[in-house]
Amino acid sequence: MTTTPSPSRTDTASRLVAASSGAIYRALVDPDALMAWLPPRGMRGRALLFEPWKGGRYRIELTYESAAPPGGRGKSDALCDISTGRFLTLEPGRRIVQSAVFESDDPAFAGEMVVTWSFEPMDEGTIVTVTAQNVPAGISAEDHEAGLISSLGNLARFVE
C-alpha cells in the first residue's frame, strides 16, 4: 500500500486475481455480487441504491457484525458506515471511477473521496488496483490498508 500525507491523502492497494478483467468488472457493477465481497472482514453490506452507469448514483451500508470498529463507533452511527456517491467513469474490463462521501456528523469523515478500480490483464489473471484519493483524516492509513487488502482478498475468493 502507498500512502501520502494528509489532508489530501491517497491510499492504494493491489492484488493479482486469477480471473478475467471482465469477471472482475462484473463483480463491481452487480450490487448483489459487490455486497458479497466488498465488506472487509468483520462487516456485512447491503446496497440501498445502485445505478451502475455513468452519472448513476449509489448508496451502500456496511455494518460491523459484532464488535465496535476501531475508534469505538462507525462513521454514520454506532456500528454502521453509509456512503453515497456517483459513478464517474465505467470502462468495462478496464476501470471504474466513483465518488464517495460518508454520511457522518463527524468532520473527520467529511469530504469526497475519488475511488478508482483499475484492471490490468496478465497471463495469470488480472492485477486489480484500488486507489482512494482525498481519504478523510478520520480513516487511519493502517485501518484503510487493512480494509482495502481484506476487500481485495474477498474479491479474489469471489471470482476465482
Protein backbone atom coordinates (compact mmCIF):
# COMPACT_ATOMS: atom_id res chain seq x y z
CA MET A 1 0.00 0.00 0.00
CA THR A 2 1.19 3.52 -0.79
CA THR A 3 0.24 6.44 1.44
CA THR A 4 0.85 10.16 1.01
CA PRO A 5 0.43 12.68 3.86
CA SER A 6 -2.94 14.24 4.75
CA PRO A 7 -5.01 16.36 4.16
CA SER A 8 -5.24 15.07 0.59
CA ARG A 9 -4.09 11.53 1.30
CA THR A 10 -4.12 8.84 -1.37
CA ASP A 11 -4.17 5.16 -0.42
CA THR A 12 -3.55 2.37 -2.93
CA ALA A 13 -3.63 -1.41 -2.77
CA SER A 14 -3.22 -4.05 -5.49
CA ARG A 15 -3.66 -7.79 -5.87
CA LEU A 16 -3.28 -10.32 -8.64
CA VAL A 17 -6.64 -12.06 -9.06
CA ALA A 18 -6.86 -15.29 -11.07
CA ALA A 19 -9.85 -14.15 -13.13
CA SER A 20 -10.51 -12.15 -16.27
CA SER A 21 -10.84 -8.38 -16.10
CA GLY A 22 -14.41 -8.80 -17.41
CA ALA A 23 -15.38 -11.06 -14.50
CA ILE A 24 -13.87 -8.61 -12.04
CA TYR A 25 -15.66 -5.68 -13.67
CA ARG A 26 -18.98 -7.55 -13.44
CA ALA A 27 -18.36 -8.22 -9.73
CA LEU A 28 -18.12 -4.45 -9.21
CA VAL A 29 -21.23 -3.40 -11.15
CA ASP A 30 -23.65 -6.03 -9.85
CA PRO A 31 -24.95 -4.88 -6.44
CA ASP A 32 -25.51 -8.41 -5.09
CA ALA A 33 -22.04 -9.51 -6.13
CA LEU A 34 -20.48 -6.30 -4.77
CA MET A 35 -22.12 -6.73 -1.37
CA ALA A 36 -20.97 -10.36 -1.27
CA TRP A 37 -17.27 -9.41 -1.42
CA LEU A 38 -16.72 -5.69 -0.74
CA PRO A 39 -17.31 -5.58 3.04
CA PRO A 40 -13.99 -6.04 4.81
CA ARG A 41 -13.52 -8.74 7.43
CA GLY A 42 -15.97 -8.30 10.30
CA MET A 43 -18.56 -6.39 8.25
CA ARG A 44 -21.57 -7.14 6.08
CA GLY A 45 -23.08 -4.88 3.44
CA ARG A 46 -26.18 -4.01 1.53
CA ALA A 47 -26.82 -1.80 -1.45
CA LEU A 48 -29.51 0.76 -0.67
CA LEU A 49 -29.35 2.37 -4.13
CA PHE A 50 -27.28 1.21 -7.08
CA GLU A 51 -27.28 2.70 -10.59
CA PRO A 52 -24.14 1.34 -12.34
CA TRP A 53 -23.94 3.71 -15.29
CA LYS A 54 -22.01 6.93 -15.88
CA GLY A 55 -23.57 9.56 -13.62
CA GLY A 56 -25.55 6.89 -11.77
CA ARG A 57 -25.82 7.10 -8.01
CA TYR A 58 -25.20 4.58 -5.28
CA ARG A 59 -25.73 4.35 -1.55
CA ILE A 60 -24.27 1.43 0.39
CA GLU A 61 -24.31 0.45 4.04
CA LEU A 62 -21.54 -1.51 5.72
CA THR A 63 -22.35 -2.79 9.21
CA TYR A 64 -19.93 -4.14 11.81
CA GLU A 65 -21.02 -7.69 12.61
CA SER A 66 -20.18 -7.95 16.30
CA ALA A 67 -17.54 -5.67 17.71
CA ALA A 68 -17.24 -1.91 17.71
CA PRO A 69 -15.00 -0.61 14.93
CA PRO A 70 -11.61 0.99 15.56
CA GLY A 71 -12.24 4.24 17.42
CA GLY A 72 -15.34 2.81 19.08
CA ARG A 73 -18.06 3.65 16.54
CA GLY A 74 -18.91 3.62 12.87
CA LYS A 75 -18.80 6.68 10.66
CA SER A 76 -22.60 7.03 10.34
CA ASP A 77 -23.78 5.57 13.67
CA ALA A 78 -22.56 3.20 16.38
CA LEU A 79 -21.99 0.18 14.12
CA CYS A 80 -22.59 1.42 10.59
CA ASP A 81 -20.82 3.19 7.72
CA ILE A 82 -23.05 4.59 4.97
CA SER A 83 -21.51 6.06 1.85
CA THR A 84 -23.08 7.70 -1.17
CA GLY A 85 -21.65 8.70 -4.47
CA ARG A 86 -21.76 8.62 -8.23
CA PHE A 87 -20.21 6.51 -10.93
CA LEU A 88 -17.90 8.91 -12.77
CA THR A 89 -16.35 6.50 -15.30
CA LEU A 90 -17.23 2.93 -16.26
CA GLU A 91 -14.92 1.27 -18.79
CA PRO A 92 -15.80 -2.44 -18.96
CA GLY A 93 -12.79 -4.63 -18.24
CA ARG A 94 -10.53 -1.58 -17.67
CA ARG A 95 -11.59 0.65 -14.78
CA ILE A 96 -14.33 2.17 -12.68
CA VAL A 97 -14.08 5.61 -11.09
CA GLN A 98 -16.57 6.70 -8.47
CA SER A 99 -17.04 9.45 -5.92
CA ALA A 100 -17.67 8.51 -2.29
CA VAL A 101 -18.97 10.59 0.62
CA PHE A 102 -19.61 9.22 4.10
CA GLU A 103 -22.87 10.11 5.79
CA SER A 104 -21.40 11.35 9.07
CA ASP A 105 -21.74 14.22 11.52
CA ASP A 106 -18.05 13.88 12.36
CA PRO A 107 -15.96 16.40 10.37
CA ALA A 108 -13.07 13.89 10.39
CA PHE A 109 -15.03 11.88 7.79
CA ALA A 110 -16.10 14.86 5.66
CA GLY A 111 -15.15 15.36 2.04
CA GLU A 112 -15.44 13.50 -1.20
CA MET A 113 -13.10 10.64 -1.99
CA VAL A 114 -12.50 9.54 -5.55
CA VAL A 115 -12.08 5.78 -5.75
CA THR A 116 -10.61 4.17 -8.87
CA TRP A 117 -10.68 0.44 -9.52
CA SER A 118 -8.34 -0.44 -12.39
CA PHE A 119 -7.74 -3.80 -14.05
CA GLU A 120 -4.53 -4.87 -15.80
CA PRO A 121 -4.86 -8.20 -17.63
CA MET A 122 -1.92 -10.56 -17.19
CA ASP A 123 -1.28 -14.14 -18.31
CA GLU A 124 -2.07 -15.36 -14.76
CA GLY A 125 -5.20 -13.25 -14.30
CA THR A 126 -5.72 -9.56 -13.61
CA ILE A 127 -3.93 -7.10 -11.37
CA VAL A 128 -6.66 -5.18 -9.57
CA THR A 129 -5.62 -1.83 -8.13
CA VAL A 130 -7.86 0.29 -5.94
CA THR A 131 -6.82 3.91 -5.40
CA ALA A 132 -8.64 6.20 -2.98
CA GLN A 133 -7.85 9.89 -3.34
CA ASN A 134 -8.71 12.55 -0.75
CA VAL A 135 -9.14 10.00 2.06
CA PRO A 136 -10.81 11.64 5.09
CA ALA A 137 -8.50 12.22 8.04
CA GLY A 138 -10.76 10.13 10.29
CA ILE A 139 -9.73 6.96 8.44
CA SER A 140 -6.28 5.91 9.63
CA ALA A 141 -3.84 4.71 7.00
CA GLU A 142 -3.47 1.42 8.90
CA ASP A 143 -7.24 0.77 9.07
CA HIS A 144 -7.68 1.72 5.42
CA GLU A 145 -4.85 -0.56 4.34
CA ALA A 146 -6.36 -3.47 6.27
CA GLY A 147 -9.80 -2.79 4.77
CA LEU A 148 -8.53 -2.49 1.19
CA ILE A 149 -6.45 -5.67 1.48
CA SER A 150 -9.39 -7.53 3.03
CA SER A 151 -11.77 -6.42 0.26
CA LEU A 152 -9.29 -7.39 -2.46
CA GLY A 153 -8.88 -10.82 -0.84
CA ASN A 154 -12.66 -11.21 -0.71
CA LEU A 155 -12.88 -10.21 -4.39
CA ALA A 156 -10.29 -12.83 -5.33
CA ARG A 157 -12.17 -15.57 -3.45
CA PHE A 158 -15.45 -14.44 -5.04
CA VAL A 159 -14.34 -14.51 -8.70
CA GLU A 160 -11.63 -17.17 -8.74
